[in-house]
N, C-alpha and C. Protein backbone atom coordinates (compact mmCIF):
# COMPACT_ATOMS: atom_id res chain seq x y z
N MET A 1 117.69 99.55 109.45
CA MET A 1 116.95 100.79 109.31
C MET A 1 116.65 101.10 107.84
N LYS A 2 117.59 100.75 106.98
CA LYS A 2 117.40 100.98 105.55
C LYS A 2 116.24 100.14 105.04
N VAL A 3 116.15 98.90 105.53
CA VAL A 3 115.06 98.00 105.11
C VAL A 3 113.71 98.55 105.58
N VAL A 4 113.67 99.05 106.82
CA VAL A 4 112.44 99.63 107.37
C VAL A 4 112.00 100.81 106.52
N TRP A 5 112.95 101.65 106.13
CA TRP A 5 112.63 102.83 105.31
C TRP A 5 112.10 102.42 103.94
N GLN A 6 112.72 101.42 103.33
CA GLN A 6 112.32 100.99 102.00
C GLN A 6 110.97 100.26 102.01
N LYS A 7 110.78 99.39 103.00
CA LYS A 7 109.52 98.63 103.07
C LYS A 7 108.39 99.44 103.69
N GLN A 8 108.73 100.55 104.36
CA GLN A 8 107.74 101.44 104.95
C GLN A 8 106.85 100.70 105.94
N ALA A 9 107.46 99.87 106.76
CA ALA A 9 106.75 99.12 107.79
C ALA A 9 107.56 99.18 109.09
N ILE A 10 106.95 99.70 110.15
CA ILE A 10 107.64 99.86 111.42
C ILE A 10 107.56 98.55 112.21
N PRO A 11 108.70 97.98 112.64
CA PRO A 11 108.68 96.74 113.42
C PRO A 11 107.88 96.90 114.71
N THR A 12 107.26 95.81 115.12
CA THR A 12 106.45 95.84 116.34
C THR A 12 107.28 96.25 117.55
N ALA A 13 108.52 95.77 117.63
CA ALA A 13 109.39 96.08 118.77
C ALA A 13 109.65 97.57 118.90
N TRP A 14 109.65 98.29 117.77
CA TRP A 14 109.88 99.73 117.81
C TRP A 14 108.67 100.48 118.33
N ARG A 15 107.50 99.85 118.27
CA ARG A 15 106.26 100.52 118.67
C ARG A 15 105.84 100.15 120.09
N ARG A 16 106.67 99.41 120.78
CA ARG A 16 106.38 99.03 122.15
C ARG A 16 107.33 99.74 123.12
N ALA A 17 106.85 99.97 124.32
CA ALA A 17 107.66 100.66 125.33
C ALA A 17 107.49 99.98 126.68
N GLY A 18 108.59 99.90 127.41
CA GLY A 18 108.53 99.41 128.78
C GLY A 18 108.47 100.62 129.70
N SER A 19 107.46 100.67 130.56
CA SER A 19 107.23 101.87 131.37
C SER A 19 107.57 101.65 132.83
N ILE A 20 108.11 102.69 133.43
CA ILE A 20 108.38 102.72 134.87
C ILE A 20 107.58 103.86 135.47
N LEU A 21 106.82 103.58 136.52
CA LEU A 21 105.97 104.58 137.14
C LEU A 21 106.68 105.18 138.36
N ILE A 22 106.84 106.49 138.32
CA ILE A 22 107.48 107.21 139.42
C ILE A 22 106.44 108.05 140.14
N PRO A 23 106.23 107.85 141.44
CA PRO A 23 105.20 108.59 142.17
C PRO A 23 105.50 110.09 142.21
N LYS A 24 104.45 110.89 141.99
CA LYS A 24 104.59 112.34 142.04
C LYS A 24 104.49 112.88 143.46
N GLU A 25 103.83 112.13 144.32
CA GLU A 25 103.60 112.57 145.69
C GLU A 25 103.64 111.38 146.63
N LYS A 26 103.63 111.65 147.94
CA LYS A 26 103.71 110.59 148.94
C LYS A 26 102.42 109.78 148.96
N ASP A 27 102.57 108.47 149.19
CA ASP A 27 101.43 107.56 149.27
C ASP A 27 100.57 107.60 148.00
N SER A 28 101.22 107.62 146.84
CA SER A 28 100.49 107.63 145.57
C SER A 28 99.81 106.28 145.35
N VAL A 29 98.54 106.35 144.91
CA VAL A 29 97.76 105.13 144.68
C VAL A 29 97.17 105.12 143.27
N GLU A 30 96.52 106.23 142.88
CA GLU A 30 95.90 106.33 141.57
C GLU A 30 96.97 106.49 140.49
N ILE A 31 96.65 105.98 139.27
CA ILE A 31 97.61 106.05 138.17
C ILE A 31 97.96 107.49 137.81
N SER A 32 97.02 108.41 138.03
CA SER A 32 97.25 109.82 137.73
C SER A 32 98.27 110.46 138.67
N GLN A 33 98.59 109.77 139.76
CA GLN A 33 99.54 110.30 140.73
C GLN A 33 100.97 109.86 140.42
N PHE A 34 101.14 109.18 139.30
CA PHE A 34 102.46 108.70 138.91
C PHE A 34 102.90 109.37 137.61
N ARG A 35 104.20 109.54 137.48
CA ARG A 35 104.78 110.03 136.23
C ARG A 35 105.36 108.84 135.49
N GLN A 36 104.98 108.68 134.24
CA GLN A 36 105.40 107.52 133.47
C GLN A 36 106.68 107.82 132.69
N ILE A 37 107.68 107.00 132.90
CA ILE A 37 108.93 107.09 132.13
C ILE A 37 108.99 105.86 131.22
N SER A 38 108.99 106.08 129.92
CA SER A 38 108.95 104.98 128.96
C SER A 38 110.33 104.69 128.38
N LEU A 39 110.66 103.42 128.32
CA LEU A 39 111.92 102.97 127.74
C LEU A 39 111.63 102.38 126.37
N LEU A 40 112.22 102.97 125.34
CA LEU A 40 111.94 102.57 123.97
C LEU A 40 113.12 101.82 123.36
N ASN A 41 112.84 101.14 122.26
CA ASN A 41 113.87 100.45 121.50
C ASN A 41 114.89 101.45 120.97
N VAL A 42 116.17 101.18 121.19
CA VAL A 42 117.22 102.14 120.81
C VAL A 42 117.27 102.36 119.30
N GLU A 43 117.18 101.28 118.52
CA GLU A 43 117.20 101.43 117.06
C GLU A 43 116.03 102.27 116.59
N GLY A 44 114.86 102.02 117.18
CA GLY A 44 113.68 102.80 116.80
C GLY A 44 113.85 104.27 117.14
N LYS A 45 114.43 104.58 118.30
CA LYS A 45 114.65 105.96 118.70
C LYS A 45 115.58 106.68 117.72
N ILE A 46 116.61 105.98 117.28
CA ILE A 46 117.54 106.57 116.32
C ILE A 46 116.84 106.84 114.99
N PHE A 47 116.06 105.86 114.54
CA PHE A 47 115.35 105.98 113.27
C PHE A 47 114.38 107.16 113.30
N PHE A 48 113.56 107.24 114.35
CA PHE A 48 112.57 108.31 114.43
C PHE A 48 113.25 109.68 114.64
N SER A 49 114.43 109.68 115.27
CA SER A 49 115.17 110.94 115.43
C SER A 49 115.61 111.46 114.07
N VAL A 50 116.06 110.55 113.21
CA VAL A 50 116.48 110.95 111.86
C VAL A 50 115.30 111.51 111.08
N VAL A 51 114.16 110.82 111.16
CA VAL A 51 112.96 111.28 110.46
C VAL A 51 112.52 112.64 110.99
N ALA A 52 112.57 112.81 112.32
CA ALA A 52 112.16 114.08 112.93
C ALA A 52 113.06 115.23 112.49
N ARG A 53 114.36 114.98 112.41
CA ARG A 53 115.29 116.02 111.97
C ARG A 53 115.06 116.39 110.51
N ARG A 54 114.80 115.39 109.69
CA ARG A 54 114.53 115.67 108.27
C ARG A 54 113.24 116.46 108.11
N LEU A 55 112.23 116.11 108.90
CA LEU A 55 110.95 116.81 108.83
C LEU A 55 111.12 118.26 109.28
N THR A 56 111.88 118.48 110.37
CA THR A 56 112.12 119.83 110.85
C THR A 56 112.89 120.66 109.82
N ALA A 57 113.92 120.05 109.22
CA ALA A 57 114.71 120.75 108.21
C ALA A 57 113.85 121.13 107.01
N TYR A 58 112.96 120.23 106.62
CA TYR A 58 112.06 120.49 105.49
C TYR A 58 111.13 121.66 105.79
N LEU A 59 110.53 121.67 106.99
CA LEU A 59 109.60 122.73 107.36
C LEU A 59 110.31 124.08 107.47
N GLU A 60 111.54 124.08 108.02
CA GLU A 60 112.29 125.32 108.16
C GLU A 60 112.74 125.85 106.80
N LYS A 61 113.24 124.97 105.96
CA LYS A 61 113.76 125.37 104.65
C LYS A 61 112.67 125.98 103.78
N ASN A 62 111.46 125.46 103.91
CA ASN A 62 110.34 125.96 103.10
C ASN A 62 109.51 127.03 103.81
N HIS A 63 110.04 127.50 104.95
CA HIS A 63 109.43 128.62 105.69
C HIS A 63 108.00 128.30 106.14
N PHE A 64 107.78 127.04 106.51
CA PHE A 64 106.48 126.65 107.06
C PHE A 64 106.40 126.93 108.56
N ILE A 65 107.55 127.22 109.18
CA ILE A 65 107.61 127.48 110.62
C ILE A 65 108.12 128.88 110.86
N ASP A 66 107.39 129.64 111.66
CA ASP A 66 107.83 130.98 112.06
C ASP A 66 108.50 130.84 113.42
N THR A 67 109.83 130.87 113.45
CA THR A 67 110.57 130.66 114.69
C THR A 67 110.42 131.82 115.67
N MET A 68 109.76 132.89 115.26
CA MET A 68 109.44 133.96 116.22
C MET A 68 108.28 133.53 117.12
N VAL A 69 107.52 132.54 116.65
CA VAL A 69 106.37 132.05 117.41
C VAL A 69 106.61 130.62 117.88
N GLN A 70 106.92 129.73 116.93
CA GLN A 70 107.14 128.32 117.22
C GLN A 70 108.60 128.08 117.56
N LYS A 71 108.88 127.75 118.82
CA LYS A 71 110.25 127.52 119.24
C LYS A 71 110.46 126.12 119.78
N THR A 72 109.43 125.57 120.41
CA THR A 72 109.54 124.24 121.00
C THR A 72 109.78 123.19 119.92
N GLY A 73 110.78 122.37 120.15
CA GLY A 73 111.08 121.29 119.22
C GLY A 73 111.96 121.70 118.05
N ILE A 74 112.33 122.97 117.97
CA ILE A 74 113.19 123.45 116.89
C ILE A 74 114.62 123.58 117.40
N PRO A 75 115.58 122.85 116.84
CA PRO A 75 116.97 122.92 117.31
C PRO A 75 117.52 124.34 117.22
N GLY A 76 118.25 124.74 118.26
CA GLY A 76 118.88 126.05 118.25
C GLY A 76 118.04 127.14 118.90
N PHE A 77 116.83 126.80 119.34
CA PHE A 77 115.94 127.77 119.98
C PHE A 77 115.58 127.27 121.37
N SER A 78 115.99 128.03 122.39
CA SER A 78 115.67 127.68 123.77
C SER A 78 114.32 128.28 124.13
N GLY A 79 113.27 127.66 123.65
CA GLY A 79 111.92 128.20 123.84
C GLY A 79 111.53 128.35 125.29
N CYS A 80 111.75 127.29 126.10
CA CYS A 80 111.36 127.35 127.51
C CYS A 80 112.14 128.44 128.25
N LEU A 81 113.45 128.51 128.01
CA LEU A 81 114.28 129.51 128.68
C LEU A 81 113.84 130.91 128.32
N GLU A 82 113.52 131.14 127.04
CA GLU A 82 113.08 132.46 126.60
C GLU A 82 111.74 132.84 127.23
N HIS A 83 110.83 131.88 127.29
CA HIS A 83 109.51 132.15 127.88
C HIS A 83 109.62 132.47 129.36
N VAL A 84 110.45 131.70 130.08
CA VAL A 84 110.65 131.95 131.51
C VAL A 84 111.26 133.33 131.73
N SER A 85 112.20 133.70 130.87
CA SER A 85 112.85 135.01 131.00
C SER A 85 111.84 136.14 130.78
N MET A 86 110.94 135.95 129.80
CA MET A 86 109.93 136.97 129.54
C MET A 86 108.97 137.13 130.73
N ILE A 87 108.57 136.00 131.30
CA ILE A 87 107.66 136.05 132.45
C ILE A 87 108.34 136.71 133.64
N TRP A 88 109.59 136.34 133.87
CA TRP A 88 110.35 136.92 134.99
C TRP A 88 110.51 138.43 134.81
N ASN A 89 110.76 138.85 133.60
CA ASN A 89 110.90 140.28 133.34
C ASN A 89 109.59 141.04 133.60
N GLN A 90 108.45 140.42 133.21
CA GLN A 90 107.16 141.04 133.45
C GLN A 90 106.86 141.13 134.95
N ILE A 91 107.22 140.08 135.69
CA ILE A 91 107.00 140.09 137.14
C ILE A 91 107.82 141.19 137.81
N GLN A 92 109.09 141.32 137.41
CA GLN A 92 109.95 142.35 137.99
C GLN A 92 109.47 143.75 137.64
N THR A 93 108.98 143.93 136.41
CA THR A 93 108.48 145.24 135.99
C THR A 93 107.23 145.61 136.77
N ALA A 94 106.31 144.63 136.95
CA ALA A 94 105.09 144.88 137.72
C ALA A 94 105.40 145.20 139.17
N LYS A 95 106.38 144.52 139.71
CA LYS A 95 106.78 144.78 141.10
C LYS A 95 107.37 146.18 141.26
N LYS A 96 108.19 146.57 140.30
CA LYS A 96 108.82 147.89 140.33
C LYS A 96 107.81 149.01 140.19
N ASP A 97 106.82 148.82 139.30
CA ASP A 97 105.81 149.86 139.05
C ASP A 97 104.65 149.80 140.04
N GLY A 98 104.62 148.78 140.87
CA GLY A 98 103.56 148.66 141.85
C GLY A 98 102.20 148.37 141.25
N ARG A 99 102.16 147.55 140.20
CA ARG A 99 100.89 147.24 139.57
C ARG A 99 100.63 145.73 139.64
N ASP A 100 99.37 145.36 139.38
CA ASP A 100 98.98 143.96 139.43
C ASP A 100 99.42 143.25 138.15
N LEU A 101 99.68 141.96 138.29
CA LEU A 101 100.03 141.13 137.13
C LEU A 101 99.43 139.75 137.33
N HIS A 102 98.71 139.30 136.34
CA HIS A 102 98.08 137.98 136.40
C HIS A 102 98.83 137.02 135.46
N VAL A 103 99.33 135.95 136.02
CA VAL A 103 100.08 134.94 135.26
C VAL A 103 99.33 133.62 135.36
N VAL A 104 99.06 133.00 134.22
CA VAL A 104 98.34 131.73 134.18
C VAL A 104 99.24 130.68 133.52
N PHE A 105 99.42 129.56 134.19
CA PHE A 105 100.20 128.45 133.65
C PHE A 105 99.25 127.33 133.27
N LEU A 106 99.33 126.87 132.04
CA LEU A 106 98.48 125.78 131.55
C LEU A 106 99.29 124.49 131.47
N ASP A 107 98.78 123.45 132.07
CA ASP A 107 99.43 122.14 132.02
C ASP A 107 98.43 121.17 131.40
N LEU A 108 98.63 120.84 130.14
CA LEU A 108 97.70 119.97 129.42
C LEU A 108 97.97 118.51 129.77
N ALA A 109 96.94 117.82 130.21
CA ALA A 109 97.08 116.40 130.53
C ALA A 109 97.18 115.59 129.24
N ASN A 110 98.25 114.80 129.10
CA ASN A 110 98.46 113.97 127.91
C ASN A 110 98.33 114.80 126.64
N ALA A 111 99.08 115.89 126.60
CA ALA A 111 98.96 116.86 125.51
C ALA A 111 99.18 116.21 124.14
N PHE A 112 100.24 115.42 123.99
CA PHE A 112 100.54 114.83 122.69
C PHE A 112 99.57 113.69 122.37
N GLY A 113 99.28 112.86 123.37
CA GLY A 113 98.41 111.72 123.14
C GLY A 113 96.97 112.08 122.83
N SER A 114 96.57 113.29 123.20
CA SER A 114 95.18 113.70 122.97
C SER A 114 94.95 114.25 121.57
N VAL A 115 96.02 114.42 120.78
CA VAL A 115 95.88 114.93 119.42
C VAL A 115 95.39 113.80 118.51
N PRO A 116 94.24 113.96 117.84
CA PRO A 116 93.72 112.90 116.96
C PRO A 116 94.71 112.59 115.84
N HIS A 117 94.83 111.30 115.50
CA HIS A 117 95.75 110.89 114.44
C HIS A 117 95.39 111.54 113.11
N ASN A 118 94.10 111.63 112.81
CA ASN A 118 93.68 112.22 111.54
C ASN A 118 94.14 113.67 111.40
N LEU A 119 94.23 114.37 112.53
CA LEU A 119 94.68 115.76 112.50
C LEU A 119 96.14 115.84 112.08
N ARG A 120 96.92 114.85 112.48
CA ARG A 120 98.34 114.83 112.08
C ARG A 120 98.47 114.62 110.58
N TRP A 121 97.65 113.71 110.02
CA TRP A 121 97.69 113.50 108.57
C TRP A 121 97.27 114.77 107.85
N THR A 122 96.28 115.47 108.39
CA THR A 122 95.84 116.73 107.78
C THR A 122 96.97 117.74 107.77
N ALA A 123 97.73 117.80 108.86
CA ALA A 123 98.86 118.73 108.93
C ALA A 123 99.94 118.36 107.93
N PHE A 124 100.22 117.05 107.80
CA PHE A 124 101.22 116.61 106.82
C PHE A 124 100.81 117.01 105.40
N ASN A 125 99.54 116.81 105.09
CA ASN A 125 99.05 117.15 103.76
C ASN A 125 99.08 118.66 103.53
N TYR A 126 98.72 119.42 104.56
CA TYR A 126 98.68 120.89 104.44
C TYR A 126 100.06 121.44 104.10
N PHE A 127 101.10 120.89 104.73
CA PHE A 127 102.45 121.37 104.52
C PHE A 127 103.17 120.63 103.38
N SER A 128 102.43 119.82 102.64
CA SER A 128 102.98 119.08 101.49
C SER A 128 104.22 118.28 101.89
N VAL A 129 104.13 117.59 103.02
CA VAL A 129 105.27 116.79 103.50
C VAL A 129 105.57 115.69 102.49
N PRO A 130 106.83 115.54 102.08
CA PRO A 130 107.19 114.50 101.11
C PRO A 130 106.73 113.12 101.56
N GLU A 131 106.40 112.27 100.59
CA GLU A 131 105.80 110.99 100.87
C GLU A 131 106.63 110.10 101.79
N LEU A 132 107.95 110.08 101.63
CA LEU A 132 108.77 109.16 102.40
C LEU A 132 108.87 109.53 103.87
N THR A 133 108.43 110.72 104.26
CA THR A 133 108.41 111.06 105.68
C THR A 133 107.06 110.71 106.29
N VAL A 134 106.11 110.30 105.47
CA VAL A 134 104.82 109.80 105.96
C VAL A 134 104.63 108.44 105.29
N PRO A 135 105.35 107.40 105.77
CA PRO A 135 105.48 106.17 105.00
C PRO A 135 104.26 105.28 104.96
N TRP A 136 103.34 105.36 105.91
CA TRP A 136 102.28 104.37 105.99
C TRP A 136 100.95 104.97 105.61
N GLU A 137 100.15 104.23 104.90
CA GLU A 137 98.85 104.73 104.45
C GLU A 137 97.82 104.65 105.57
N ALA A 138 96.86 105.53 105.53
CA ALA A 138 95.78 105.54 106.51
C ALA A 138 94.56 104.81 105.95
N ALA A 139 93.99 103.93 106.77
CA ALA A 139 92.69 103.30 106.49
C ALA A 139 92.67 102.35 105.30
N VAL A 140 93.82 101.78 104.90
CA VAL A 140 93.82 100.83 103.79
C VAL A 140 93.05 99.56 104.18
N GLU A 141 93.34 99.04 105.37
CA GLU A 141 92.66 97.82 105.81
C GLU A 141 91.16 98.06 106.00
N GLU A 142 90.82 99.24 106.54
CA GLU A 142 89.41 99.57 106.72
C GLU A 142 88.68 99.65 105.37
N ALA A 143 89.37 100.21 104.37
CA ALA A 143 88.77 100.30 103.03
C ALA A 143 88.54 98.91 102.44
N PHE A 144 89.49 97.99 102.69
CA PHE A 144 89.35 96.63 102.19
C PHE A 144 88.11 95.96 102.78
N GLU A 145 87.95 96.09 104.10
CA GLU A 145 86.79 95.47 104.77
C GLU A 145 85.50 96.11 104.28
N ARG A 146 85.49 97.42 104.13
CA ARG A 146 84.27 98.11 103.71
C ARG A 146 83.83 97.68 102.33
N LYS A 147 84.77 97.58 101.40
CA LYS A 147 84.43 97.20 100.03
C LYS A 147 84.05 95.71 99.95
N SER A 148 84.70 94.89 100.79
CA SER A 148 84.37 93.47 100.80
C SER A 148 82.92 93.26 101.21
N LEU A 149 82.51 93.94 102.28
CA LEU A 149 81.13 93.82 102.76
C LEU A 149 80.14 94.41 101.76
N LYS A 150 80.56 95.49 101.10
CA LYS A 150 79.66 96.17 100.18
C LYS A 150 79.27 95.29 98.99
N TYR A 151 80.22 94.49 98.49
CA TYR A 151 79.96 93.73 97.27
C TYR A 151 79.71 92.24 97.52
N THR A 152 79.74 91.82 98.79
CA THR A 152 79.50 90.41 99.08
C THR A 152 78.08 90.00 98.67
N GLU A 153 77.12 90.83 98.99
CA GLU A 153 75.72 90.52 98.65
C GLU A 153 75.54 90.42 97.14
N LEU A 154 76.21 91.30 96.39
CA LEU A 154 76.13 91.26 94.94
C LEU A 154 76.73 89.97 94.40
N ALA A 155 77.85 89.53 95.00
CA ALA A 155 78.48 88.29 94.56
C ALA A 155 77.59 87.08 94.84
N VAL A 156 76.93 87.07 96.00
CA VAL A 156 76.02 85.97 96.34
C VAL A 156 74.85 85.93 95.36
N ASP A 157 74.32 87.10 95.03
CA ASP A 157 73.20 87.17 94.09
C ASP A 157 73.62 86.66 92.71
N ALA A 158 74.85 86.98 92.29
CA ALA A 158 75.34 86.51 90.99
C ALA A 158 75.51 85.00 90.97
N GLU A 159 76.00 84.43 92.07
CA GLU A 159 76.18 82.98 92.15
C GLU A 159 74.84 82.26 92.12
N GLN A 160 73.85 82.84 92.75
CA GLN A 160 72.51 82.24 92.74
C GLN A 160 71.91 82.23 91.34
N ARG A 161 72.39 83.12 90.48
CA ARG A 161 71.91 83.19 89.10
C ARG A 161 72.76 82.35 88.15
N GLY A 162 73.72 81.58 88.75
CA GLY A 162 74.50 80.67 87.93
C GLY A 162 75.86 81.19 87.52
N TRP A 163 76.23 82.37 87.98
CA TRP A 163 77.53 82.93 87.64
C TRP A 163 78.57 82.54 88.69
N LYS A 164 79.83 82.59 88.31
CA LYS A 164 80.92 82.43 89.27
C LYS A 164 81.41 83.84 89.64
N ALA A 165 81.38 84.14 90.91
CA ALA A 165 81.73 85.50 91.35
C ALA A 165 82.72 85.45 92.51
N LYS A 166 83.65 86.40 92.50
CA LYS A 166 84.63 86.51 93.57
C LYS A 166 84.92 87.99 93.81
N VAL A 167 84.79 88.42 95.05
CA VAL A 167 85.04 89.82 95.40
C VAL A 167 86.53 90.02 95.64
N CYS A 168 87.15 90.92 94.88
CA CYS A 168 88.59 91.19 95.01
C CYS A 168 88.83 92.71 95.12
N PRO A 169 88.64 93.29 96.30
CA PRO A 169 88.93 94.73 96.46
C PRO A 169 90.40 95.02 96.20
N VAL A 170 90.67 96.17 95.66
CA VAL A 170 92.04 96.58 95.35
C VAL A 170 92.31 97.93 95.97
N GLU A 171 93.42 98.05 96.71
CA GLU A 171 93.79 99.32 97.34
C GLU A 171 95.18 99.75 96.92
N VAL A 172 95.28 100.96 96.42
CA VAL A 172 96.56 101.62 96.17
C VAL A 172 96.42 103.01 96.78
N GLY A 173 97.09 103.23 97.90
CA GLY A 173 96.93 104.50 98.61
C GLY A 173 97.47 105.68 97.83
N CYS A 174 96.99 106.88 98.20
CA CYS A 174 97.37 108.09 97.47
C CYS A 174 98.83 108.45 97.66
N ARG A 175 99.49 107.87 98.68
CA ARG A 175 100.91 108.15 98.87
C ARG A 175 101.79 107.10 98.20
N GLY A 176 101.15 106.22 97.44
CA GLY A 176 101.94 105.25 96.69
C GLY A 176 102.06 103.89 97.33
N PHE A 177 101.41 103.67 98.49
CA PHE A 177 101.49 102.37 99.14
C PHE A 177 100.53 101.40 98.47
N VAL A 178 101.06 100.30 97.97
CA VAL A 178 100.25 99.28 97.31
C VAL A 178 99.80 98.26 98.35
N GLY A 179 98.49 98.14 98.54
CA GLY A 179 97.95 97.23 99.55
C GLY A 179 98.21 95.77 99.21
N LYS A 180 98.19 94.92 100.24
CA LYS A 180 98.40 93.49 100.04
C LYS A 180 97.33 92.89 99.14
N SER A 181 96.14 93.47 99.19
CA SER A 181 95.05 92.96 98.36
C SER A 181 95.38 93.10 96.87
N THR A 182 96.05 94.19 96.52
CA THR A 182 96.43 94.42 95.12
C THR A 182 97.46 93.38 94.67
N ILE A 183 98.44 93.14 95.53
CA ILE A 183 99.48 92.16 95.20
C ILE A 183 98.87 90.76 95.08
N ARG A 184 97.94 90.44 95.98
CA ARG A 184 97.28 89.13 95.95
C ARG A 184 96.49 88.95 94.66
N LEU A 185 95.79 90.00 94.23
CA LEU A 185 95.01 89.92 92.99
C LEU A 185 95.91 89.73 91.78
N LEU A 186 97.02 90.45 91.74
CA LEU A 186 97.96 90.33 90.62
C LEU A 186 98.51 88.91 90.52
N LYS A 187 98.79 88.30 91.67
CA LYS A 187 99.30 86.92 91.67
C LYS A 187 98.24 85.95 91.18
N GLU A 188 96.99 86.19 91.59
CA GLU A 188 95.90 85.32 91.13
C GLU A 188 95.69 85.43 89.63
N LEU A 189 96.03 86.60 89.07
CA LEU A 189 95.91 86.81 87.63
C LEU A 189 97.12 86.28 86.87
N GLY A 190 98.09 85.71 87.62
CA GLY A 190 99.26 85.11 86.97
C GLY A 190 100.43 86.04 86.80
N VAL A 191 100.39 87.21 87.39
CA VAL A 191 101.51 88.16 87.30
C VAL A 191 102.54 87.79 88.36
N GLN A 192 103.75 87.47 87.95
CA GLN A 192 104.78 87.01 88.87
C GLN A 192 106.14 87.59 88.53
N GLY A 193 107.11 87.33 89.43
CA GLY A 193 108.50 87.70 89.18
C GLY A 193 108.72 89.17 88.91
N GLN A 194 109.58 89.42 87.93
CA GLN A 194 109.94 90.80 87.57
C GLN A 194 108.72 91.59 87.10
N THR A 195 107.82 90.90 86.40
CA THR A 195 106.61 91.58 85.92
C THR A 195 105.78 92.08 87.09
N LEU A 196 105.68 91.27 88.15
CA LEU A 196 104.94 91.67 89.34
C LEU A 196 105.57 92.89 89.98
N ARG A 197 106.88 92.88 90.14
CA ARG A 197 107.58 94.02 90.76
C ARG A 197 107.43 95.29 89.92
N ARG A 198 107.54 95.15 88.60
CA ARG A 198 107.39 96.33 87.73
C ARG A 198 105.98 96.88 87.81
N THR A 199 104.99 95.98 87.89
CA THR A 199 103.59 96.42 87.98
C THR A 199 103.33 97.17 89.28
N ILE A 200 103.86 96.65 90.37
CA ILE A 200 103.68 97.30 91.68
C ILE A 200 104.34 98.68 91.68
N ASN A 201 105.55 98.77 91.12
CA ASN A 201 106.24 100.05 91.06
C ASN A 201 105.47 101.05 90.19
N ALA A 202 104.88 100.55 89.10
CA ALA A 202 104.11 101.43 88.21
C ALA A 202 102.86 101.94 88.92
N LEU A 203 102.16 101.06 89.64
CA LEU A 203 100.97 101.47 90.39
C LEU A 203 101.32 102.49 91.46
N SER A 204 102.43 102.24 92.16
CA SER A 204 102.85 103.16 93.21
C SER A 204 103.21 104.52 92.64
N GLY A 205 103.95 104.52 91.53
CA GLY A 205 104.35 105.78 90.90
C GLY A 205 103.16 106.56 90.38
N ALA A 206 102.19 105.85 89.80
CA ALA A 206 100.99 106.51 89.27
C ALA A 206 100.19 107.16 90.39
N ALA A 207 100.08 106.46 91.53
CA ALA A 207 99.33 107.02 92.66
C ALA A 207 100.01 108.26 93.21
N GLU A 208 101.32 108.20 93.37
CA GLU A 208 102.05 109.36 93.90
C GLU A 208 101.98 110.54 92.93
N ALA A 209 102.10 110.26 91.62
CA ALA A 209 102.05 111.34 90.63
C ALA A 209 100.67 111.99 90.60
N SER A 210 99.63 111.15 90.70
CA SER A 210 98.26 111.70 90.70
C SER A 210 98.03 112.60 91.90
N ARG A 211 98.52 112.18 93.07
CA ARG A 211 98.35 112.99 94.28
C ARG A 211 99.13 114.30 94.15
N TRP A 212 100.33 114.23 93.59
CA TRP A 212 101.16 115.43 93.44
C TRP A 212 100.47 116.43 92.52
N LEU A 213 99.90 115.94 91.42
CA LEU A 213 99.18 116.83 90.50
C LEU A 213 97.96 117.45 91.18
N TRP A 214 97.27 116.65 91.99
CA TRP A 214 96.09 117.16 92.70
C TRP A 214 96.48 118.26 93.68
N MET A 215 97.58 118.06 94.39
CA MET A 215 98.01 119.05 95.37
C MET A 215 98.49 120.34 94.71
N LYS A 216 98.94 120.25 93.46
CA LYS A 216 99.45 121.41 92.74
C LYS A 216 98.39 122.06 91.87
N ARG A 217 97.13 121.63 92.02
CA ARG A 217 96.09 122.11 91.12
C ARG A 217 95.85 123.61 91.24
N GLY A 218 96.15 124.19 92.41
CA GLY A 218 95.92 125.61 92.59
C GLY A 218 97.14 126.47 92.35
N ASP A 219 98.24 125.87 91.92
CA ASP A 219 99.48 126.61 91.69
C ASP A 219 99.34 127.47 90.43
N SER A 220 99.57 128.76 90.57
CA SER A 220 99.43 129.67 89.43
C SER A 220 100.44 129.39 88.33
N ASN A 221 101.56 128.77 88.69
CA ASN A 221 102.58 128.46 87.69
C ASN A 221 102.13 127.39 86.71
N TRP A 222 101.01 126.70 87.06
CA TRP A 222 100.50 125.66 86.19
C TRP A 222 99.44 126.18 85.21
N ALA A 223 99.22 127.46 85.23
CA ALA A 223 98.23 128.04 84.32
C ALA A 223 98.65 127.87 82.87
N PRO A 224 97.69 127.67 81.96
CA PRO A 224 98.03 127.48 80.54
C PRO A 224 98.84 128.65 79.99
N ASN A 225 99.90 128.33 79.29
CA ASN A 225 100.76 129.38 78.70
C ASN A 225 100.33 129.59 77.26
N ILE A 226 99.41 130.54 77.07
CA ILE A 226 98.87 130.79 75.73
C ILE A 226 99.64 131.93 75.08
N THR A 227 100.22 131.67 73.91
CA THR A 227 100.98 132.72 73.20
C THR A 227 100.35 132.98 71.84
């Protein structure tokens, strides 16, 4: 688990699940008539549980969560029990007073799976979630392909004019993740051993520092102190 945290790469086995389908009703045929129970890798479950607890503690400590409203998923708050008790109390009050009461229950199909991944990254950025709790960069591989295609035509044109050209896109994500393309380019330039590791660490640190400064750009405490 320590290696996974340091390398910031989730093993494939942790991202796979074995599913068992339990029928919701008699003579179930369609997939929607079954409830899916997924069996996950035990090590992965422990790892993600630790990350989830750290994320929850961070959000609570910095008052990003109002536990008067958000109760689900927060340890120590029986959100479902409290909600059921409130509904039951309203039903009993309406019955006693002889008045109408309309209760609507919403059951969202695939509620978690329907949330776009980009929205989750936006939420992490909004709450300034520390980098190590969001270990993997978004769209690094896509950026590599996009830049490769963009400059391929230019490289071909240069070669036709007698030049030697090679397209080498470089990616260093804003959270400090150094793309494989960057490491490959450094090796082609002859950077190896300790020098390579120091260069990668420097690139990673510079990217994280730049992002941190950008996120703090609106902080009033950073205003010039003119005396």
